């Protein structure tokens, strides 16, 4: 039986559910994520979009330019503005990055990697036991084969 994770926004208007385990989880310290979240970093769990189900509430979208120059779309609660999901240029709407802090049990998600550590705040300590990268990593070298296969399929669908 696949795991089910639920979450929502700060005001409770938006609720969502996702089935199964993520393809990967990244803790990103890039300047774009810092600006978009108003924080030191963001932790996203990446899934195939069809695994995400909206249970209630309305979303509003904001579009930003990603580091690659493509469109990065952030979905927020239309009522309170909590950022919940991201859609990235590499996979379009085929895949979704879900803000781990929006889950009811965010501690259930452990990052596979900490990325863009070169732009992290100088006082932020990196977690022990989680691979950290100055920029990014090769997913084929880090992810288990079954999760890398899911990512490869997702990239193909997003073209």
N, C-alpha and C. Protein backbone atom coordinates (compact mmCIF):
# COMPACT_ATOMS: atom_id res chain seq x y z
N UNK A 1 0.84 -1.18 0.00
CA UNK A 1 0.00 0.00 0.00
C UNK A 1 0.88 1.25 0.00
N UNK A 2 0.61 2.15 -0.93
CA UNK A 2 1.40 3.38 -1.02
C UNK A 2 1.06 4.33 0.11
N UNK A 3 2.07 5.08 0.52
CA UNK A 3 1.86 6.07 1.55
C UNK A 3 1.07 7.24 0.98
N UNK A 4 0.33 7.89 1.87
CA UNK A 4 -0.44 9.07 1.51
C UNK A 4 0.00 10.19 2.45
N UNK A 5 0.29 11.34 1.88
CA UNK A 5 0.67 12.51 2.66
C UNK A 5 -0.31 13.63 2.35
N UNK A 6 -0.78 14.32 3.39
CA UNK A 6 -1.68 15.45 3.19
C UNK A 6 -1.06 16.71 3.75
N UNK A 7 -1.57 17.83 3.26
CA UNK A 7 -1.07 19.11 3.73
C UNK A 7 -2.01 20.22 3.35
N UNK A 8 -1.56 21.45 3.63
CA UNK A 8 -2.39 22.60 3.32
C UNK A 8 -1.66 23.90 3.58
N UNK A 9 -2.39 24.98 3.42
CA UNK A 9 -1.84 26.32 3.56
C UNK A 9 -1.94 26.80 5.01
N UNK A 10 -1.49 28.02 5.23
CA UNK A 10 -1.48 28.60 6.56
C UNK A 10 -2.86 28.89 7.12
N UNK A 11 -3.82 29.26 6.29
CA UNK A 11 -5.16 29.60 6.79
C UNK A 11 -6.11 28.41 6.79
N UNK A 12 -5.71 27.31 6.15
CA UNK A 12 -6.55 26.11 6.12
C UNK A 12 -7.51 26.03 4.95
N UNK A 13 -7.55 27.04 4.10
CA UNK A 13 -8.47 27.02 2.96
C UNK A 13 -8.08 25.97 1.92
N UNK A 14 -6.78 25.81 1.67
CA UNK A 14 -6.32 24.83 0.69
C UNK A 14 -5.87 23.56 1.41
N UNK A 15 -6.34 22.44 0.89
CA UNK A 15 -5.91 21.13 1.37
C UNK A 15 -5.53 20.31 0.15
N UNK A 16 -4.50 19.47 0.30
CA UNK A 16 -4.06 18.61 -0.81
C UNK A 16 -3.61 17.27 -0.26
N UNK A 17 -3.50 16.32 -1.17
CA UNK A 17 -3.02 14.97 -0.85
C UNK A 17 -2.09 14.52 -1.97
N UNK A 18 -1.05 13.80 -1.60
CA UNK A 18 -0.15 13.23 -2.59
C UNK A 18 0.07 11.76 -2.20
N UNK A 19 0.12 10.90 -3.21
CA UNK A 19 0.29 9.47 -2.97
C UNK A 19 1.69 9.02 -3.34
N UNK A 20 2.23 8.14 -2.51
CA UNK A 20 3.53 7.55 -2.77
C UNK A 20 4.66 8.40 -2.22
N UNK A 21 5.85 7.94 -2.50
CA UNK A 21 7.04 8.65 -2.06
C UNK A 21 7.54 9.56 -3.17
N UNK A 22 8.20 10.64 -2.82
CA UNK A 22 8.69 11.56 -3.85
C UNK A 22 9.78 10.93 -4.70
N UNK A 23 9.97 11.50 -5.89
CA UNK A 23 11.09 11.11 -6.74
C UNK A 23 12.38 11.52 -6.04
N UNK A 24 12.41 12.74 -5.54
CA UNK A 24 13.54 13.24 -4.76
C UNK A 24 13.09 14.43 -3.93
N UNK A 25 13.90 14.74 -2.93
CA UNK A 25 13.66 15.89 -2.06
C UNK A 25 14.95 16.70 -2.01
N UNK A 26 14.85 17.98 -2.33
CA UNK A 26 16.02 18.86 -2.29
C UNK A 26 15.80 20.00 -1.32
N UNK A 27 16.84 20.37 -0.62
CA UNK A 27 16.89 21.59 0.19
C UNK A 27 17.75 22.57 -0.61
N UNK A 28 17.13 23.60 -1.18
CA UNK A 28 17.81 24.51 -2.09
C UNK A 28 18.11 25.85 -1.43
N UNK A 29 19.37 26.26 -1.53
CA UNK A 29 19.82 27.52 -0.97
C UNK A 29 20.14 28.57 -2.04
N UNK A 30 19.65 28.40 -3.27
CA UNK A 30 19.96 29.36 -4.33
C UNK A 30 19.30 30.71 -4.02
N UNK A 31 19.83 31.76 -4.60
CA UNK A 31 19.30 33.11 -4.36
C UNK A 31 17.86 33.25 -4.84
N UNK A 32 17.50 32.56 -5.92
CA UNK A 32 16.12 32.64 -6.39
C UNK A 32 15.16 32.08 -5.35
N UNK A 33 15.48 30.93 -4.79
CA UNK A 33 14.62 30.34 -3.74
C UNK A 33 14.59 31.23 -2.50
N UNK A 34 15.72 31.82 -2.16
CA UNK A 34 15.75 32.71 -1.01
C UNK A 34 14.81 33.90 -1.23
N UNK A 35 14.86 34.50 -2.40
CA UNK A 35 14.00 35.65 -2.69
C UNK A 35 12.52 35.26 -2.74
N UNK A 36 12.23 34.13 -3.38
CA UNK A 36 10.83 33.73 -3.54
C UNK A 36 10.18 33.31 -2.23
N UNK A 37 10.98 32.81 -1.29
CA UNK A 37 10.42 32.37 -0.02
C UNK A 37 10.62 33.39 1.10
N UNK A 38 11.54 34.34 0.89
CA UNK A 38 11.85 35.28 1.95
C UNK A 38 12.55 34.59 3.12
N UNK A 39 13.25 33.50 2.81
CA UNK A 39 13.90 32.71 3.84
C UNK A 39 15.31 32.31 3.38
N UNK A 40 15.95 31.45 4.16
CA UNK A 40 17.31 31.04 3.82
C UNK A 40 17.35 29.96 2.75
N UNK A 41 16.27 29.20 2.61
CA UNK A 41 16.23 28.10 1.65
C UNK A 41 14.81 27.58 1.55
N UNK A 42 14.64 26.60 0.69
CA UNK A 42 13.35 25.93 0.58
C UNK A 42 13.60 24.43 0.46
N UNK A 43 12.69 23.63 0.97
CA UNK A 43 12.75 22.18 0.81
C UNK A 43 11.53 21.76 0.00
N UNK A 44 11.79 21.14 -1.15
CA UNK A 44 10.73 20.68 -2.04
C UNK A 44 10.80 19.17 -2.22
N UNK A 45 9.64 18.53 -2.20
CA UNK A 45 9.51 17.12 -2.54
C UNK A 45 8.92 17.06 -3.95
N UNK A 46 9.62 16.39 -4.87
CA UNK A 46 9.21 16.36 -6.27
C UNK A 46 8.46 15.08 -6.60
N UNK A 47 7.30 15.27 -7.23
CA UNK A 47 6.40 14.18 -7.61
C UNK A 47 5.93 14.35 -9.05
N UNK A 48 5.41 13.28 -9.60
CA UNK A 48 4.65 13.35 -10.84
C UNK A 48 3.35 14.08 -10.50
N UNK A 49 2.91 14.99 -11.35
CA UNK A 49 1.75 15.82 -11.06
C UNK A 49 0.47 15.01 -10.82
N UNK A 50 0.35 13.88 -11.49
CA UNK A 50 -0.88 13.10 -11.32
C UNK A 50 -1.01 12.49 -9.93
N UNK A 51 0.05 12.49 -9.15
CA UNK A 51 -0.01 11.98 -7.78
C UNK A 51 -0.59 13.01 -6.81
N UNK A 52 -0.69 14.26 -7.24
CA UNK A 52 -1.20 15.35 -6.41
C UNK A 52 -2.69 15.54 -6.64
N UNK A 53 -3.46 15.56 -5.56
CA UNK A 53 -4.90 15.80 -5.64
C UNK A 53 -5.26 16.98 -4.75
N UNK A 54 -6.01 17.90 -5.30
CA UNK A 54 -6.52 19.03 -4.53
C UNK A 54 -7.78 18.57 -3.80
N UNK A 55 -7.83 18.84 -2.50
CA UNK A 55 -8.98 18.45 -1.69
C UNK A 55 -9.91 19.62 -1.40
N UNK A 56 -9.41 20.83 -1.56
CA UNK A 56 -10.23 22.01 -1.31
C UNK A 56 -9.42 23.27 -1.43
N UNK A 57 -10.12 24.37 -1.67
CA UNK A 57 -9.48 25.67 -1.74
C UNK A 57 -9.14 26.08 -3.15
N UNK A 58 -8.71 27.33 -3.28
CA UNK A 58 -8.36 27.90 -4.57
C UNK A 58 -6.91 28.36 -4.58
N UNK A 59 -6.29 28.23 -5.75
CA UNK A 59 -4.89 28.61 -5.92
C UNK A 59 -4.77 29.84 -6.80
N UNK A 60 -3.71 30.60 -6.56
CA UNK A 60 -3.29 31.70 -7.43
C UNK A 60 -1.86 31.39 -7.84
N UNK A 61 -1.47 31.84 -9.02
CA UNK A 61 -0.13 31.54 -9.51
C UNK A 61 0.69 32.79 -9.74
N UNK A 62 1.98 32.68 -9.48
CA UNK A 62 2.96 33.71 -9.77
C UNK A 62 4.03 33.08 -10.65
N UNK A 63 4.51 33.83 -11.62
CA UNK A 63 5.53 33.30 -12.52
C UNK A 63 6.82 34.09 -12.34
N UNK A 64 7.92 33.36 -12.19
CA UNK A 64 9.24 33.94 -12.02
C UNK A 64 10.15 33.39 -13.11
N UNK A 65 11.27 34.04 -13.32
CA UNK A 65 12.28 33.51 -14.23
C UNK A 65 13.19 32.61 -13.41
N UNK A 66 13.36 31.37 -13.87
CA UNK A 66 14.22 30.41 -13.17
C UNK A 66 15.68 30.68 -13.49
N UNK A 67 16.55 29.97 -12.81
CA UNK A 67 17.98 30.09 -13.06
C UNK A 67 18.36 29.73 -14.48
N UNK A 68 17.57 28.86 -15.12
CA UNK A 68 17.84 28.46 -16.51
C UNK A 68 17.25 29.45 -17.52
N UNK A 69 16.48 30.43 -17.02
CA UNK A 69 15.85 31.40 -17.90
C UNK A 69 14.42 31.05 -18.26
N UNK A 70 13.96 29.83 -17.93
CA UNK A 70 12.59 29.42 -18.21
C UNK A 70 11.63 29.90 -17.13
N UNK A 71 10.36 29.57 -17.32
CA UNK A 71 9.34 29.98 -16.37
C UNK A 71 9.24 29.02 -15.19
N UNK A 72 9.30 29.58 -14.00
CA UNK A 72 9.08 28.85 -12.74
C UNK A 72 7.78 29.39 -12.18
N UNK A 73 6.77 28.52 -12.08
CA UNK A 73 5.45 28.92 -11.62
C UNK A 73 5.28 28.45 -10.18
N UNK A 74 4.87 29.37 -9.31
CA UNK A 74 4.60 29.05 -7.91
C UNK A 74 3.10 29.16 -7.68
N UNK A 75 2.49 28.08 -7.15
CA UNK A 75 1.07 28.07 -6.80
C UNK A 75 0.93 28.35 -5.32
N UNK A 76 0.05 29.30 -5.00
CA UNK A 76 -0.18 29.73 -3.63
C UNK A 76 -1.65 29.65 -3.29
N UNK A 77 -1.96 29.60 -2.00
CA UNK A 77 -3.34 29.71 -1.57
C UNK A 77 -3.84 31.09 -2.00
N UNK A 78 -5.00 31.14 -2.64
CA UNK A 78 -5.57 32.40 -3.10
C UNK A 78 -6.02 33.27 -1.93
N UNK A 79 -6.23 32.67 -0.76
CA UNK A 79 -6.70 33.42 0.41
C UNK A 79 -5.54 34.01 1.21
N UNK A 80 -4.58 33.18 1.60
CA UNK A 80 -3.52 33.63 2.51
C UNK A 80 -2.16 33.81 1.85
N UNK A 81 -1.99 33.31 0.63
CA UNK A 81 -0.75 33.49 -0.10
C UNK A 81 0.36 32.49 0.22
N UNK A 82 0.07 31.48 1.04
CA UNK A 82 1.09 30.47 1.34
C UNK A 82 1.54 29.78 0.06
N UNK A 83 2.85 29.75 -0.18
CA UNK A 83 3.40 29.03 -1.34
C UNK A 83 3.31 27.53 -1.06
N UNK A 84 2.74 26.78 -2.01
CA UNK A 84 2.52 25.34 -1.82
C UNK A 84 3.25 24.48 -2.85
N UNK A 85 3.21 24.87 -4.12
CA UNK A 85 3.73 24.05 -5.20
C UNK A 85 4.57 24.89 -6.17
N UNK A 86 5.50 24.23 -6.84
CA UNK A 86 6.27 24.87 -7.90
C UNK A 86 6.29 23.97 -9.12
N UNK A 87 6.24 24.61 -10.29
CA UNK A 87 6.38 23.93 -11.57
C UNK A 87 7.60 24.54 -12.24
N UNK A 88 8.54 23.68 -12.62
CA UNK A 88 9.82 24.12 -13.15
C UNK A 88 9.92 23.89 -14.64
N UNK A 89 10.72 24.70 -15.35
CA UNK A 89 10.79 24.61 -16.81
C UNK A 89 11.21 23.25 -17.35
N UNK A 90 12.07 22.54 -16.64
CA UNK A 90 12.60 21.28 -17.16
C UNK A 90 11.51 20.23 -17.37
N UNK A 91 10.48 20.25 -16.52
CA UNK A 91 9.42 19.24 -16.63
C UNK A 91 8.04 19.83 -16.84
N UNK A 92 7.92 21.15 -16.82
CA UNK A 92 6.61 21.78 -17.03
C UNK A 92 5.59 21.31 -16.01
N UNK A 93 4.38 21.09 -16.44
CA UNK A 93 3.29 20.68 -15.55
C UNK A 93 3.26 19.17 -15.30
N UNK A 94 4.19 18.44 -15.92
CA UNK A 94 4.25 16.99 -15.70
C UNK A 94 4.71 16.65 -14.29
N UNK A 95 5.51 17.54 -13.69
CA UNK A 95 6.02 17.32 -12.34
C UNK A 95 5.76 18.51 -11.47
N UNK A 96 5.71 18.26 -10.16
CA UNK A 96 5.43 19.33 -9.21
C UNK A 96 6.37 19.22 -8.01
N UNK A 97 6.90 20.37 -7.60
CA UNK A 97 7.67 20.45 -6.36
C UNK A 97 6.74 20.93 -5.27
N UNK A 98 6.57 20.13 -4.25
CA UNK A 98 5.67 20.48 -3.15
C UNK A 98 6.50 20.96 -1.97
N UNK A 99 6.16 22.14 -1.44
CA UNK A 99 6.87 22.69 -0.29
C UNK A 99 6.67 21.74 0.90
N UNK A 100 7.76 21.19 1.39
CA UNK A 100 7.69 20.20 2.47
C UNK A 100 7.04 20.80 3.72
N UNK A 101 7.28 22.08 3.98
CA UNK A 101 6.67 22.72 5.15
C UNK A 101 5.17 22.79 5.10
N UNK A 102 4.56 22.58 3.92
CA UNK A 102 3.10 22.62 3.80
C UNK A 102 2.45 21.28 4.16
N UNK A 103 3.25 20.22 4.31
CA UNK A 103 2.68 18.93 4.69
C UNK A 103 2.30 18.92 6.16
N UNK A 104 1.29 18.14 6.50
CA UNK A 104 0.89 18.00 7.90
C UNK A 104 2.00 17.39 8.73
N UNK A 105 2.79 16.52 8.13
CA UNK A 105 3.91 15.89 8.81
C UNK A 105 5.20 16.13 8.00
N UNK A 106 5.72 17.34 8.05
CA UNK A 106 6.89 17.66 7.23
C UNK A 106 8.13 16.85 7.60
N UNK A 107 8.22 16.38 8.82
CA UNK A 107 9.37 15.59 9.25
C UNK A 107 9.45 14.23 8.58
N UNK A 108 8.41 13.84 7.86
CA UNK A 108 8.42 12.56 7.13
C UNK A 108 9.29 12.63 5.88
N UNK A 109 9.73 13.84 5.51
CA UNK A 109 10.50 14.03 4.29
C UNK A 109 11.93 14.43 4.64
N UNK A 110 12.86 13.58 4.25
CA UNK A 110 14.29 13.85 4.48
C UNK A 110 14.91 14.22 3.14
N UNK A 111 15.63 15.33 3.07
CA UNK A 111 16.24 15.70 1.79
C UNK A 111 17.24 14.64 1.31
N UNK A 112 17.24 14.43 -0.01
CA UNK A 112 18.25 13.60 -0.64
C UNK A 112 19.54 14.39 -0.80
N UNK A 113 19.40 15.71 -0.92
CA UNK A 113 20.56 16.56 -1.15
C UNK A 113 20.27 17.98 -0.71
N UNK A 114 21.34 18.68 -0.35
CA UNK A 114 21.31 20.11 -0.11
C UNK A 114 22.04 20.72 -1.31
N UNK A 115 21.37 21.63 -2.02
CA UNK A 115 21.93 22.16 -3.26
C UNK A 115 22.14 23.67 -3.19
N UNK A 116 23.03 24.13 -4.04
CA UNK A 116 23.41 25.54 -4.13
C UNK A 116 23.88 26.09 -2.78
N UNK A 117 24.72 25.28 -2.14
CA UNK A 117 25.28 25.69 -0.84
C UNK A 117 26.22 26.88 -1.00
N UNK A 118 26.70 27.14 -2.19
CA UNK A 118 27.57 28.28 -2.43
C UNK A 118 26.90 29.60 -2.15
N UNK A 119 25.57 29.63 -2.17
CA UNK A 119 24.86 30.88 -1.88
C UNK A 119 24.07 30.82 -0.58
N UNK A 120 24.36 29.84 0.25
CA UNK A 120 23.66 29.78 1.55
C UNK A 120 24.15 30.90 2.45
N UNK A 121 23.35 31.27 3.41
CA UNK A 121 23.74 32.27 4.38
C UNK A 121 24.95 31.75 5.15
N UNK A 122 25.91 32.59 5.47
CA UNK A 122 27.15 32.11 6.10
C UNK A 122 26.95 31.48 7.47
N UNK A 123 25.84 31.75 8.12
CA UNK A 123 25.58 31.20 9.45
C UNK A 123 24.70 29.96 9.43
N UNK A 124 24.32 29.50 8.23
CA UNK A 124 23.49 28.30 8.12
C UNK A 124 24.39 27.07 8.12
N UNK A 125 24.17 26.18 9.07
CA UNK A 125 24.93 24.93 9.15
C UNK A 125 24.28 23.88 8.25
N UNK A 126 25.10 23.09 7.59
CA UNK A 126 24.59 22.02 6.74
C UNK A 126 24.30 20.79 7.60
N UNK A 127 23.24 20.06 7.28
CA UNK A 127 22.90 18.88 8.07
C UNK A 127 23.90 17.75 7.85
N UNK A 128 24.17 17.01 8.90
CA UNK A 128 25.06 15.86 8.80
C UNK A 128 24.34 14.72 8.09
N UNK A 129 25.09 13.98 7.29
CA UNK A 129 24.55 12.78 6.66
C UNK A 129 23.74 13.02 5.41
N UNK A 130 23.62 14.27 4.96
CA UNK A 130 22.90 14.57 3.71
C UNK A 130 23.91 15.17 2.74
N UNK A 131 24.06 14.59 1.54
CA UNK A 131 25.02 15.12 0.58
C UNK A 131 24.74 16.59 0.27
N UNK A 132 25.79 17.40 0.24
CA UNK A 132 25.66 18.83 -0.05
C UNK A 132 26.49 19.17 -1.27
N UNK A 133 25.97 20.09 -2.09
CA UNK A 133 26.61 20.44 -3.35
C UNK A 133 26.68 21.95 -3.51
N UNK A 134 27.83 22.43 -3.94
CA UNK A 134 28.05 23.85 -4.18
C UNK A 134 27.01 24.39 -5.17
N UNK A 135 26.70 23.61 -6.19
CA UNK A 135 25.68 23.97 -7.16
C UNK A 135 24.65 22.82 -7.17
N UNK A 136 24.69 21.98 -8.20
CA UNK A 136 23.73 20.88 -8.29
C UNK A 136 24.48 19.56 -8.39
N UNK A 137 23.78 18.48 -8.60
CA UNK A 137 24.37 17.15 -8.66
C UNK A 137 23.81 16.39 -9.86
N UNK A 138 24.42 15.27 -10.16
CA UNK A 138 23.90 14.39 -11.21
C UNK A 138 22.93 13.42 -10.55
N UNK A 139 21.64 13.54 -10.85
CA UNK A 139 20.66 12.64 -10.23
C UNK A 139 20.99 11.16 -10.44
N UNK A 140 21.57 10.82 -11.59
CA UNK A 140 21.91 9.42 -11.86
C UNK A 140 22.93 8.88 -10.87
N UNK A 141 23.72 9.76 -10.28
CA UNK A 141 24.75 9.34 -9.33
C UNK A 141 24.27 9.34 -7.88
N UNK A 142 23.12 9.92 -7.62
CA UNK A 142 22.65 10.05 -6.25
C UNK A 142 21.37 9.26 -5.96
N UNK A 143 20.45 9.28 -6.90
CA UNK A 143 19.15 8.64 -6.67
C UNK A 143 19.21 7.13 -6.89
N UNK A 144 18.43 6.37 -6.13
CA UNK A 144 18.30 4.94 -6.41
C UNK A 144 17.74 4.75 -7.83
N UNK A 145 18.06 3.64 -8.49
CA UNK A 145 17.65 3.42 -9.88
C UNK A 145 16.15 3.60 -10.14
N UNK A 146 15.30 3.12 -9.24
CA UNK A 146 13.86 3.24 -9.48
C UNK A 146 13.39 4.69 -9.45
N UNK A 147 13.96 5.50 -8.58
CA UNK A 147 13.59 6.92 -8.53
C UNK A 147 14.20 7.69 -9.70
N UNK A 148 15.41 7.32 -10.11
CA UNK A 148 16.00 7.96 -11.28
C UNK A 148 15.18 7.64 -12.53
N UNK A 149 14.65 6.43 -12.64
CA UNK A 149 13.80 6.06 -13.78
C UNK A 149 12.54 6.91 -13.80
N UNK A 150 11.95 7.16 -12.63
CA UNK A 150 10.77 8.03 -12.55
C UNK A 150 11.12 9.44 -13.01
N UNK A 151 12.29 9.95 -12.60
CA UNK A 151 12.72 11.28 -13.00
C UNK A 151 12.93 11.34 -14.51
N UNK A 152 13.58 10.35 -15.07
CA UNK A 152 13.82 10.31 -16.51
C UNK A 152 12.51 10.32 -17.28
N UNK A 153 11.55 9.53 -16.82
CA UNK A 153 10.23 9.50 -17.47
C UNK A 153 9.54 10.86 -17.37
N UNK A 154 9.69 11.50 -16.23
CA UNK A 154 9.08 12.81 -16.02
C UNK A 154 9.67 13.87 -16.96
N UNK A 155 10.97 13.87 -17.11
CA UNK A 155 11.64 14.81 -18.01
C UNK A 155 11.17 14.57 -19.45
N UNK A 156 11.04 13.33 -19.85
CA UNK A 156 10.57 13.00 -21.21
C UNK A 156 9.14 13.51 -21.43
N UNK A 157 8.29 13.33 -20.43
CA UNK A 157 6.89 13.80 -20.53
C UNK A 157 6.82 15.31 -20.58
N UNK A 158 7.76 15.99 -19.92
CA UNK A 158 7.72 17.44 -19.85
C UNK A 158 8.24 18.16 -21.09
N UNK A 159 8.80 17.40 -22.01
CA UNK A 159 9.35 18.03 -23.25
C UNK A 159 8.27 18.53 -24.17
